[in-house]
Amino acid sequence: MKRIYTIDDAEELKVKEYINNYIKELQRHFDVSDRRMRAILYSVYKDSVPVSFVKNFVYMLKSEYEKLKFKRKY
């Protein structure tokens, strides 16, 4: 995969270590499993990244579809 940005490897390693330590601390503090933490991080990242109108609309439709599927099961 082609890198769009260039970051010094030492700096990138420091950032990764900081993020990993912060995630571990959050997991200890809130007693969250790895799987749940990944889901939370993904949702936070997804919310922080600018998304086009079409993608946002598709996410909304998928969410509504999942809600309808869940209601039908019970």
Protein backbone atom coordinates (compact mmCIF):
# COMPACT_ATOMS: atom_id res chain seq x y z
CA MET A 1 0.00 0.00 0.00
CA LYS A 2 1.35 3.40 -0.96
CA ARG A 3 1.92 5.85 1.88
CA ILE A 4 0.42 9.26 1.30
CA TYR A 5 2.25 10.90 4.19
CA THR A 6 5.77 10.59 5.47
CA ILE A 7 6.52 10.38 9.17
CA ASP A 8 9.84 9.59 10.70
CA ASP A 9 9.80 5.93 11.80
CA ALA A 10 10.92 6.85 15.32
CA GLU A 11 8.13 9.41 15.61
CA GLU A 12 5.58 6.96 14.21
CA LEU A 13 6.70 4.36 16.75
CA LYS A 14 6.33 6.89 19.59
CA VAL A 15 2.80 7.74 18.45
CA LYS A 16 1.81 4.07 18.22
CA GLU A 17 3.22 3.35 21.68
CA TYR A 18 1.39 6.34 23.15
CA ILE A 19 -1.91 5.26 21.58
CA ASN A 20 -1.46 1.66 22.73
CA ASN A 21 -0.67 2.75 26.30
CA TYR A 22 -3.65 5.08 26.33
CA ILE A 23 -5.97 2.33 25.06
CA LYS A 24 -4.70 -0.10 27.69
CA GLU A 25 -5.25 2.50 30.41
CA LEU A 26 -8.80 3.13 29.18
CA GLN A 27 -9.50 -0.62 29.16
CA ARG A 28 -8.26 -0.96 32.74
CA HIS A 29 -10.22 2.05 33.92
CA PHE A 30 -13.53 1.12 32.27
CA ASP A 31 -13.08 -2.68 32.27
CA VAL A 32 -13.78 -3.02 28.54
CA SER A 33 -12.93 -6.09 26.46
CA ASP A 34 -10.57 -5.87 23.46
CA ARG A 35 -13.39 -6.49 21.01
CA ARG A 36 -15.60 -3.77 22.50
CA MET A 37 -12.67 -1.33 22.63
CA ARG A 38 -11.98 -1.91 18.92
CA ALA A 39 -15.63 -1.17 18.14
CA ILE A 40 -15.54 2.00 20.22
CA LEU A 41 -12.29 3.17 18.62
CA TYR A 42 -13.63 2.47 15.15
CA SER A 43 -16.81 4.41 15.80
CA VAL A 44 -14.84 7.36 17.21
CA TYR A 45 -12.49 7.32 14.24
CA LYS A 46 -15.35 6.99 11.78
CA ASP A 47 -17.09 9.96 13.38
CA SER A 48 -13.96 12.10 13.22
CA VAL A 49 -13.19 11.44 9.55
CA PRO A 50 -15.05 13.65 7.08
CA VAL A 51 -17.45 11.56 5.04
CA SER A 52 -19.18 12.47 1.84
CA PHE A 53 -22.92 12.96 1.79
CA VAL A 54 -23.52 9.71 -0.12
CA LYS A 55 -21.51 7.60 2.32
CA ASN A 56 -23.27 9.23 5.24
CA PHE A 57 -26.62 8.44 3.64
CA VAL A 58 -25.61 4.80 3.07
CA TYR A 59 -24.52 4.45 6.71
CA MET A 60 -27.87 5.85 7.80
CA LEU A 61 -29.76 3.38 5.58
CA LYS A 62 -27.71 0.44 6.86
CA SER A 63 -28.40 1.49 10.44
CA GLU A 64 -32.15 1.71 9.83
CA TYR A 65 -32.08 -1.68 8.06
CA GLU A 66 -30.29 -3.27 11.03
CA LYS A 67 -32.87 -1.80 13.40
CA LEU A 68 -35.70 -3.26 11.31
CA LYS A 69 -33.97 -6.64 11.15
CA PHE A 70 -33.52 -6.64 14.92
CA LYS A 71 -37.19 -5.77 15.51
CA ARG A 72 -38.38 -8.55 13.19
CA LYS A 73 -36.46 -11.25 15.06
CA TYR A 74 -38.46 -10.77 18.24
